PDB file of N, CA and C in Angstrom:
ATOM      1  N   MET A   1     121.565 131.904  67.356  1.00  0.00           N
ATOM      2  CA  MET A   1     122.994 132.124  67.193  1.00  0.00           C
ATOM      3  C   MET A   1     123.249 133.454  66.638  1.00  0.00           C
ATOM      4  N   ASP A   2     124.149 134.179  67.230  1.00  0.00           N
ATOM      5  CA  ASP A   2     124.519 135.520  66.817  1.00  0.00           C
ATOM      6  C   ASP A   2     125.733 135.447  65.851  1.00  0.00           C
ATOM      7  N   PHE A   3     125.485 135.694  64.574  1.00  0.00           N
ATOM      8  CA  PHE A   3     126.614 135.637  63.601  1.00  0.00           C
ATOM      9  C   PHE A   3     127.509 136.860  63.600  1.00  0.00           C
ATOM     10  N   GLY A   4     127.164 137.802  64.269  1.00  0.00           N
ATOM     11  CA  GLY A   4     127.965 139.119  64.277  1.00  0.00           C
ATOM     12  C   GLY A   4     128.969 139.173  65.491  1.00  0.00           C
ATOM     13  N   GLY A   5     128.836 138.224  66.401  1.00  0.00           N
ATOM     14  CA  GLY A   5     129.708 138.222  67.561  1.00  0.00           C
ATOM     15  C   GLY A   5     131.036 137.713  67.324  1.00  0.00           C
ATOM     16  N   PRO A   6     131.951 138.025  68.286  1.00  0.00           N
ATOM     17  CA  PRO A   6     133.373 137.647  68.136  1.00  0.00           C
ATOM     18  C   PRO A   6     133.586 136.128  68.216  1.00  0.00           C
ATOM     19  N   THR A   7     132.713 135.425  68.823  1.00  0.00           N
ATOM     20  CA  THR A   7     132.921 133.855  68.827  1.00  0.00           C
ATOM     21  C   THR A   7     132.772 133.288  67.531  1.00  0.00           C
ATOM     22  N   PHE A   8     131.812 133.855  66.683  1.00  0.00           N
ATOM     23  CA  PHE A   8     131.638 133.267  65.307  1.00  0.00           C
ATOM     24  C   PHE A   8     132.836 133.501  64.499  1.00  0.00           C
ATOM     25  N   VAL A   9     133.401 134.668  64.591  1.00  0.00           N
ATOM     26  CA  VAL A   9     134.530 135.118  63.807  1.00  0.00           C
ATOM     27  C   VAL A   9     135.801 134.208  64.191  1.00  0.00           C
ATOM     28  N   ILE A  10     135.990 134.077  65.431  1.00  0.00           N
ATOM     29  CA  ILE A  10     137.028 133.230  65.980  1.00  0.00           C
ATOM     30  C   ILE A  10     136.879 131.849  65.608  1.00  0.00           C
ATOM     31  N   ALA A  11     135.644 131.365  65.617  1.00  0.00           N
ATOM     32  CA  ALA A  11     135.418 129.915  65.129  1.00  0.00           C
ATOM     33  C   ALA A  11     135.864 129.783  63.696  1.00  0.00           C
ATOM     34  N   ILE A  12     135.483 130.688  62.833  1.00  0.00           N
ATOM     35  CA  ILE A  12     135.767 130.644  61.411  1.00  0.00           C
ATOM     36  C   ILE A  12     137.284 130.686  61.263  1.00  0.00           C
ATOM     37  N   ILE A  13     137.992 131.539  62.034  1.00  0.00           N
ATOM     38  CA  ILE A  13     139.358 131.557  61.801  1.00  0.00           C
ATOM     39  C   ILE A  13     140.036 130.283  62.313  1.00  0.00           C
ATOM     40  N   ALA A  14     139.592 129.775  63.395  1.00  0.00           N
ATOM     41  CA  ALA A  14     140.101 128.512  63.874  1.00  0.00           C
ATOM     42  C   ALA A  14     139.903 127.296  62.934  1.00  0.00           C
ATOM     43  N   LEU A  15     138.764 127.347  62.293  1.00  0.00           N
ATOM     44  CA  LEU A  15     138.495 126.219  61.344  1.00  0.00           C
ATOM     45  C   LEU A  15     139.337 126.412  60.148  1.00  0.00           C
ATOM     46  N   SER A  16     139.568 127.636  59.682  1.00  0.00           N
ATOM     47  CA  SER A  16     140.443 127.883  58.516  1.00  0.00           C
ATOM     48  C   SER A  16     141.830 127.458  58.779  1.00  0.00           C
ATOM     49  N   ILE A  17     142.396 127.812  59.964  1.00  0.00           N
ATOM     50  CA  ILE A  17     143.757 127.494  60.291  1.00  0.00           C
ATOM     51  C   ILE A  17     143.874 125.920  60.398  1.00  0.00           C
ATOM     52  N   GLY A  18     142.852 125.302  61.142  1.00  0.00           N
ATOM     53  CA  GLY A  18     142.902 123.878  61.269  1.00  0.00           C
ATOM     54  C   GLY A  18     142.909 123.136  59.955  1.00  0.00           C
ATOM     55  N   GLY A  19     142.058 123.636  59.051  1.00  0.00           N
ATOM     56  CA  GLY A  19     142.008 123.003  57.711  1.00  0.00           C
ATOM     57  C   GLY A  19     143.329 123.145  56.957  1.00  0.00           C
ATOM     58  N   TRP A  20     144.001 124.276  57.103  1.00  0.00           N
ATOM     59  CA  TRP A  20     145.246 124.458  56.413  1.00  0.00           C
ATOM     60  C   TRP A  20     146.341 123.607  57.077  1.00  0.00           C
ATOM     61  N   LEU A  21     146.326 123.374  58.325  1.00  0.00           N
ATOM     62  CA  LEU A  21     147.254 122.562  58.989  1.00  0.00           C
ATOM     63  C   LEU A  21     147.006 121.064  58.552  1.00  0.00           C
ATOM     64  N   VAL A  22     145.787 120.664  58.579  1.00  0.00           N
ATOM     65  CA  VAL A  22     145.514 119.269  58.139  1.00  0.00           C
ATOM     66  C   VAL A  22     145.914 119.058  56.628  1.00  0.00           C
ATOM     67  N   ASN A  23     145.587 120.029  55.771  1.00  0.00           N
ATOM     68  CA  ASN A  23     146.022 120.012  54.370  1.00  0.00           C
ATOM     69  C   ASN A  23     147.561 119.739  54.236  1.00  0.00           C
ATOM     70  N   ASN A  24     148.260 120.604  54.923  1.00  0.00           N
ATOM     71  CA  ASN A  24     149.749 120.485  54.913  1.00  0.00           C
ATOM     72  C   ASN A  24     150.264 119.161  55.501  1.00  0.00           C
ATOM     73  N   TRP A  25     149.602 118.685  56.521  1.00  0.00           N
ATOM     74  CA  TRP A  25     150.036 117.492  57.107  1.00  0.00           C
ATOM     75  C   TRP A  25     149.837 116.254  56.146  1.00  0.00           C
ATOM     76  N   ILE A  26     148.769 116.283  55.444  1.00  0.00           N
ATOM     77  CA  ILE A  26     148.437 115.209  54.464  1.00  0.00           C
ATOM     78  C   ILE A  26     149.459 115.357  53.334  1.00  0.00           C
ATOM     79  N   ARG A  27     149.703 116.527  52.785  1.00  0.00           N
ATOM     80  CA  ARG A  27     150.643 116.765  51.777  1.00  0.00           C
ATOM     81  C   ARG A  27     152.076 116.323  52.180  1.00  0.00           C
ATOM     82  N   ALA A  28     152.489 116.619  53.318  1.00  0.00           N
ATOM     83  CA  ALA A  28     153.794 116.243  53.794  1.00  0.00           C
ATOM     84  C   ALA A  28     153.905 114.675  53.956  1.00  0.00           C
ATOM     85  N   ARG A  29     152.884 114.135  54.446  1.00  0.00           N
ATOM     86  CA  ARG A  29     152.841 112.679  54.714  1.00  0.00           C
ATOM     87  C   ARG A  29     152.950 111.921  53.404  1.00  0.00           C
ATOM     88  N   HIS A  30     152.415 112.402  52.309  1.00  0.00           N
ATOM     89  CA  HIS A  30     152.380 111.723  50.981  1.00  0.00           C
ATOM     90  C   HIS A  30     153.348 112.226  50.015  1.00  0.00           C
ATOM     91  N   GLY A  31     154.164 113.201  50.419  1.00  0.00           N
ATOM     92  CA  GLY A  31     155.310 113.590  49.565  1.00  0.00           C
ATOM     93  C   GLY A  31     155.038 114.695  48.613  1.00  0.00           C
ATOM     94  N   TYR A  32     153.821 115.379  48.726  1.00  0.00           N
ATOM     95  CA  TYR A  32     153.567 116.422  47.798  1.00  0.00           C
ATOM     96  C   TYR A  32     154.221 117.697  48.309  1.00  0.00           C
ATOM     97  N   PRO A  33     154.434 118.643  47.341  1.00  0.00           N
ATOM     98  CA  PRO A  33     155.034 119.937  47.802  1.00  0.00           C
ATOM     99  C   PRO A  33     154.162 120.662  48.688  1.00  0.00           C
ATOM    100  N   LEU A  34     154.711 121.340  49.710  1.00  0.00           N
ATOM    101  CA  LEU A  34     154.005 122.093  50.626  1.00  0.00           C
ATOM    102  C   LEU A  34     153.819 123.535  50.172  1.00  0.00           C
ATOM    103  N   GLU A  35     152.737 124.184  50.661  1.00  0.00           N
ATOM    104  CA  GLU A  35     152.362 125.627  50.448  1.00  0.00           C
ATOM    105  C   GLU A  35     153.085 126.436  51.405  1.00  0.00           C
ATOM    106  N   ASP A  36     153.711 127.542  50.971  1.00  0.00           N
ATOM    107  CA  ASP A  36     154.258 128.441  51.995  1.00  0.00           C
ATOM    108  C   ASP A  36     153.268 129.462  52.235  1.00  0.00           C
ATOM    109  N   GLU A  37     153.631 130.527  52.981  1.00  0.00           N
ATOM    110  CA  GLU A  37     152.680 131.593  53.488  1.00  0.00           C
ATOM    111  C   GLU A  37     152.275 132.410  52.403  1.00  0.00           C
ATOM    112  N   TRP A  38     152.887 132.456  51.167  1.00  0.00           N
ATOM    113  CA  TRP A  38     152.492 133.275  50.069  1.00  0.00           C
ATOM    114  C   TRP A  38     151.685 132.478  48.957  1.00  0.00           C
ATOM    115  N   GLY A  39     151.383 131.219  49.350  1.00  0.00           N
ATOM    116  CA  GLY A  39     150.673 130.422  48.292  1.00  0.00           C
ATOM    117  C   GLY A  39     151.574 129.755  47.261  1.00  0.00           C
ATOM    118  N   GLY A  40     152.911 129.827  47.429  1.00  0.00           N
ATOM    119  CA  GLY A  40     153.849 129.222  46.538  1.00  0.00           C
ATOM    120  C   GLY A  40     154.019 127.734  47.052  1.00  0.00           C
ATOM    121  N   LYS A  41     154.664 126.962  46.188  1.00  0.00           N
ATOM    122  CA  LYS A  41     154.953 125.611  46.518  1.00  0.00           C
ATOM    123  C   LYS A  41     156.396 125.442  47.021  1.00  0.00           C
ATOM    124  N   THR A  42     156.611 124.634  48.005  1.00  0.00           N
ATOM    125  CA  THR A  42     157.926 124.361  48.495  1.00  0.00           C
ATOM    126  C   THR A  42     158.140 122.835  48.337  1.00  0.00           C
ATOM    127  N   ALA A  43     158.952 122.494  47.362  1.00  0.00           N
ATOM    128  CA  ALA A  43     159.145 121.087  47.053  1.00  0.00           C
ATOM    129  C   ALA A  43     160.321 120.484  47.935  1.00  0.00           C
ATOM    130  N   ARG A  44     160.249 119.202  48.033  1.00  0.00           N
ATOM    131  CA  ARG A  44     161.423 118.558  48.799  1.00  0.00           C
ATOM    132  C   ARG A  44     162.646 118.600  47.983  1.00  0.00           C
ATOM    133  N   PRO A  45     163.791 118.713  48.661  1.00  0.00           N
ATOM    134  CA  PRO A  45     165.047 118.795  47.847  1.00  0.00           C
ATOM    135  C   PRO A  45     165.318 117.411  47.337  1.00  0.00           C
ATOM    136  N   VAL A  46     165.904 117.362  46.084  1.00  0.00           N
ATOM    137  CA  VAL A  46     166.185 116.105  45.394  1.00  0.00           C
ATOM    138  C   VAL A  46     167.459 115.552  46.116  1.00  0.00           C
ATOM    139  N   ALA A  47     167.401 114.258  46.521  1.00  0.00           N
ATOM    140  CA  ALA A  47     168.569 113.732  47.176  1.00  0.00           C
ATOM    141  C   ALA A  47     169.547 113.110  46.193  1.00  0.00           C
ATOM    142  N   ASP A  48     170.790 113.493  46.277  1.00  0.00           N
ATOM    143  CA  ASP A  48     171.760 112.903  45.440  1.00  0.00           C
ATOM    144  C   ASP A  48     172.369 111.724  46.102  1.00  0.00           C
ATOM    145  N   SER A  49     172.327 110.574  45.472  1.00  0.00           N
ATOM    146  CA  SER A  49     172.781 109.271  46.116  1.00  0.00           C
ATOM    147  C   SER A  49     174.298 109.256  46.360  1.00  0.00           C
ATOM    148  N   LYS A  50     175.055 109.937  45.523  1.00  0.00           N
ATOM    149  CA  LYS A  50     176.514 109.963  45.758  1.00  0.00           C
ATOM    150  C   LYS A  50     176.839 110.732  47.061  1.00  0.00           C
ATOM    151  N   ALA A  51     176.101 111.908  47.171  1.00  0.00           N
ATOM    152  CA  ALA A  51     176.347 112.707  48.288  1.00  0.00           C
ATOM    153  C   ALA A  51     175.826 112.010  49.619  1.00  0.00           C
ATOM    154  N   ASN A  52     174.681 111.305  49.558  1.00  0.00           N
ATOM    155  CA  ASN A  52     174.231 110.601  50.640  1.00  0.00           C
ATOM    156  C   ASN A  52     175.222 109.520  51.013  1.00  0.00           C
ATOM    157  N   ASP A  53     175.799 108.765  50.063  1.00  0.00           N
ATOM    158  CA  ASP A  53     176.703 107.740  50.373  1.00  0.00           C
ATOM    159  C   ASP A  53     177.997 108.332  51.036  1.00  0.00           C
ATOM    160  N   ALA A  54     178.473 109.523  50.557  1.00  0.00           N
ATOM    161  CA  ALA A  54     179.646 110.088  51.168  1.00  0.00           C
ATOM    162  C   ALA A  54     179.307 110.616  52.566  1.00  0.00           C
ATOM    163  N   LEU A  55     178.141 111.050  52.837  1.00  0.00           N
ATOM    164  CA  LEU A  55     177.795 111.515  54.125  1.00  0.00           C
ATOM    165  C   LEU A  55     177.636 110.370  55.133  1.00  0.00           C
ATOM    166  N   LYS A  56     177.097 109.244  54.605  1.00  0.00           N
ATOM    167  CA  LYS A  56     176.903 108.108  55.427  1.00  0.00           C
ATOM    168  C   LYS A  56     178.328 107.529  55.904  1.00  0.00           C
ATOM    169  N   ALA A  57     179.283 107.516  54.871  1.00  0.00           N
ATOM    170  CA  ALA A  57     180.570 107.016  55.183  1.00  0.00           C
ATOM    171  C   ALA A  57     181.289 107.886  56.198  1.00  0.00           C
ATOM    172  N   GLU A  58     181.185 109.241  56.074  1.00  0.00           N
ATOM    173  CA  GLU A  58     181.701 110.123  56.945  1.00  0.00           C
ATOM    174  C   GLU A  58     181.038 110.027  58.366  1.00  0.00           C
ATOM    175  N   ASN A  59     179.773 109.841  58.311  1.00  0.00           N
ATOM    176  CA  ASN A  59     179.098 109.728  59.621  1.00  0.00           C
ATOM    177  C   ASN A  59     179.523 108.442  60.359  1.00  0.00           C
ATOM    178  N   ALA A  60     179.771 107.322  59.723  1.00  0.00           N
ATOM    179  CA  ALA A  60     180.282 106.078  60.241  1.00  0.00           C
ATOM    180  C   ALA A  60     181.672 106.193  60.811  1.00  0.00           C
ATOM    181  N   GLU A  61     182.478 106.948  60.043  1.00  0.00           N
ATOM    182  CA  GLU A  61     183.854 107.218  60.521  1.00  0.00           C
ATOM    183  C   GLU A  61     183.828 108.135  61.834  1.00  0.00           C
ATOM    184  N   LEU A  62     182.944 109.147  61.837  1.00  0.00           N
ATOM    185  CA  LEU A  62     182.934 110.021  62.979  1.00  0.00           C
ATOM    186  C   LEU A  62     182.410 109.237  64.255  1.00  0.00           C
ATOM    187  N   ARG A  63     181.416 108.332  63.985  1.00  0.00           N
ATOM    188  CA  ARG A  63     180.891 107.558  65.149  1.00  0.00           C
ATOM    189  C   ARG A  63     182.022 106.663  65.704  1.00  0.00           C
ATOM    190  N   GLU A  64     182.840 106.073  64.783  1.00  0.00           N
ATOM    191  CA  GLU A  64     183.966 105.328  65.173  1.00  0.00           C
ATOM    192  C   GLU A  64     184.999 106.045  66.142  1.00  0.00           C
ATOM    193  N   GLN A  65     185.268 107.291  65.593  1.00  0.00           N
ATOM    194  CA  GLN A  65     186.177 108.115  66.355  1.00  0.00           C
ATOM    195  C   GLN A  65     185.493 108.607  67.685  1.00  0.00           C
ATOM    196  N   LEU A  66     184.282 108.853  67.745  1.00  0.00           N
ATOM    197  CA  LEU A  66     183.694 109.200  68.911  1.00  0.00           C
ATOM    198  C   LEU A  66     183.699 108.045  69.955  1.00  0.00           C
ATOM    199  N   ALA A  67     183.519 106.850  69.489  1.00  0.00           N
ATOM    200  CA  ALA A  67     183.580 105.670  70.406  1.00  0.00           C
ATOM    201  C   ALA A  67     185.043 105.582  70.947  1.00  0.00           C
ATOM    202  N   HIS A  68     186.024 105.806  70.056  1.00  0.00           N
ATOM    203  CA  HIS A  68     187.376 105.782  70.559  1.00  0.00           C
ATOM    204  C   HIS A  68     187.713 106.773  71.668  1.00  0.00           C
ATOM    205  N   PHE A  69     187.223 108.038  71.406  1.00  0.00           N
ATOM    206  CA  PHE A  69     187.512 109.014  72.350  1.00  0.00           C
ATOM    207  C   PHE A  69     186.701 108.796  73.629  1.00  0.00           C
ATOM    208  N   ALA A  70     185.553 108.224  73.530  1.00  0.00           N
ATOM    209  CA  ALA A  70     184.771 107.922  74.752  1.00  0.00           C
ATOM    210  C   ALA A  70     185.527 106.944  75.641  1.00  0.00           C
ATOM    211  N   ASP A  71     186.127 105.973  74.995  1.00  0.00           N
ATOM    212  CA  ASP A  71     187.051 104.993  75.797  1.00  0.00           C
ATOM    213  C   ASP A  71     188.134 105.696  76.355  1.00  0.00           C
ATOM    214  N   ARG A  72     188.784 106.660  75.687  1.00  0.00           N
ATOM    215  CA  ARG A  72     189.913 107.337  76.252  1.00  0.00           C
ATOM    216  C   ARG A  72     189.503 108.154  77.419  1.00  0.00           C
ATOM    217  N   VAL A  73     188.282 108.800  77.284  1.00  0.00           N
ATOM    218  CA  VAL A  73     187.798 109.682  78.367  1.00  0.00           C
ATOM    219  C   VAL A  73     187.504 108.807  79.716  1.00  0.00           C
ATOM    220  N   LYS A  74     186.967 107.586  79.481  1.00  0.00           N
ATOM    221  CA  LYS A  74     186.781 106.659  80.594  1.00  0.00           C
ATOM    222  C   LYS A  74     188.080 106.256  81.323  1.00  0.00           C
ATOM    223  N   VAL A  75     189.160 106.172  80.524  1.00  0.00           N
ATOM    224  CA  VAL A  75     190.508 105.817  81.094  1.00  0.00           C
ATOM    225  C   VAL A  75     190.967 106.963  81.901  1.00  0.00           C
ATOM    226  N   LEU A  76     190.898 108.208  81.362  1.00  0.00           N
ATOM    227  CA  LEU A  76     191.283 109.343  82.074  1.00  0.00           C
ATOM    228  C   LEU A  76     190.511 109.587  83.244  1.00  0.00           C
ATOM    229  N   GLU A  77     189.199 109.376  83.222  1.00  0.00           N
ATOM    230  CA  GLU A  77     188.435 109.606  84.462  1.00  0.00           C
ATOM    231  C   GLU A  77     188.818 108.620  85.547  1.00  0.00           C
ATOM    232  N   ARG A  78     189.134 107.352  85.157  1.00  0.00           N
ATOM    233  CA  ARG A  78     189.606 106.340  86.010  1.00  0.00           C
ATOM    234  C   ARG A  78     190.972 106.765  86.700  1.00  0.00           C
ATOM    235  N   ILE A  79     191.809 107.325  85.920  1.00  0.00           N
ATOM    236  CA  ILE A  79     193.140 107.763  86.443  1.00  0.00           C
ATOM    237  C   ILE A  79     192.877 108.917  87.414  1.00  0.00           C
ATOM    238  N   VAL A  80     192.089 109.849  87.058  1.00  0.00           N
ATOM    239  CA  VAL A  80     191.814 111.024  87.920  1.00  0.00           C
ATOM    240  C   VAL A  80     191.192 110.644  89.235  1.00  0.00           C
ATOM    241  N   THR A  81     190.275 109.723  89.208  1.00  0.00           N
ATOM    242  CA  THR A  81     189.492 109.352  90.356  1.00  0.00           C
ATOM    243  C   THR A  81     190.227 108.354  91.298  1.00  0.00           C
ATOM    244  N   ASP A  82     191.132 107.548  90.753  1.00  0.00           N
ATOM    245  CA  ASP A  82     191.811 106.531  91.638  1.00  0.00           C
ATOM    246  C   ASP A  82     192.836 107.272  92.550  1.00  0.00           C
ATOM    247  N   LYS A  83     193.070 106.604  93.594  1.00  0.00           N
ATOM    248  CA  LYS A  83     194.089 107.057  94.545  1.00  0.00           C
ATOM    249  C   LYS A  83     195.428 106.878  93.881  1.00  0.00           C
ATOM    250  N   SER A  84     196.408 107.609  94.355  1.00  0.00           N
ATOM    251  CA  SER A  84     197.701 107.623  93.848  1.00  0.00           C
ATOM    252  C   SER A  84     198.360 106.270  94.043  1.00  0.00           C
ATOM    253  N   ILE A  85     198.039 105.558  95.055  1.00  0.00           N
ATOM    254  CA  ILE A  85     198.686 104.182  95.281  1.00  0.00           C
ATOM    255  C   ILE A  85     198.169 103.256  94.212  1.00  0.00           C
ATOM    256  N   ASN A  86     196.925 103.312  93.865  1.00  0.00           N
ATOM    257  CA  ASN A  86     196.364 102.345  92.833  1.00  0.00           C
ATOM    258  C   ASN A  86     196.958 102.744  91.482  1.00  0.00           C
ATOM    259  N   VAL A  87     197.224 103.991  91.153  1.00  0.00           N
ATOM    260  CA  VAL A  87     197.798 104.359  89.882  1.00  0.00           C
ATOM    261  C   VAL A  87     199.151 103.885  89.750  1.00  0.00           C
ATOM    262  N   ALA A  88     199.989 103.981  90.935  1.00  0.00           N
ATOM    263  CA  ALA A  88     201.314 103.513  90.793  1.00  0.00           C
ATOM    264  C   ALA A  88     201.436 102.040  90.600  1.00  0.00           C
ATOM    265  N   THR A  89     200.498 101.273  91.088  1.00  0.00           N
ATOM    266  CA  THR A  89     200.559  99.849  90.883  1.00  0.00           C
ATOM    267  C   THR A  89     200.026  99.527  89.543  1.00  0.00           C
TER     268      THR A  89
END
């Protein structure tokens, strides 16, 4: 085995990157802070329960409005695609 060849260097680089990826995957899976490219730690943002509840309520309201507008679009599509005789009746 030739240790001075480019394949050996590429293999070491690939193993290093693979180890770093596996390390970060395990850390992310278990909730530990991740390392950034400079060796510092990037912690998960702390979730505020009041802000989450407000966002969930707003999200439910927006979904309700979206369903309402989807129904209105269906009616408008039906009016546009129907013949004028059917619309008049």
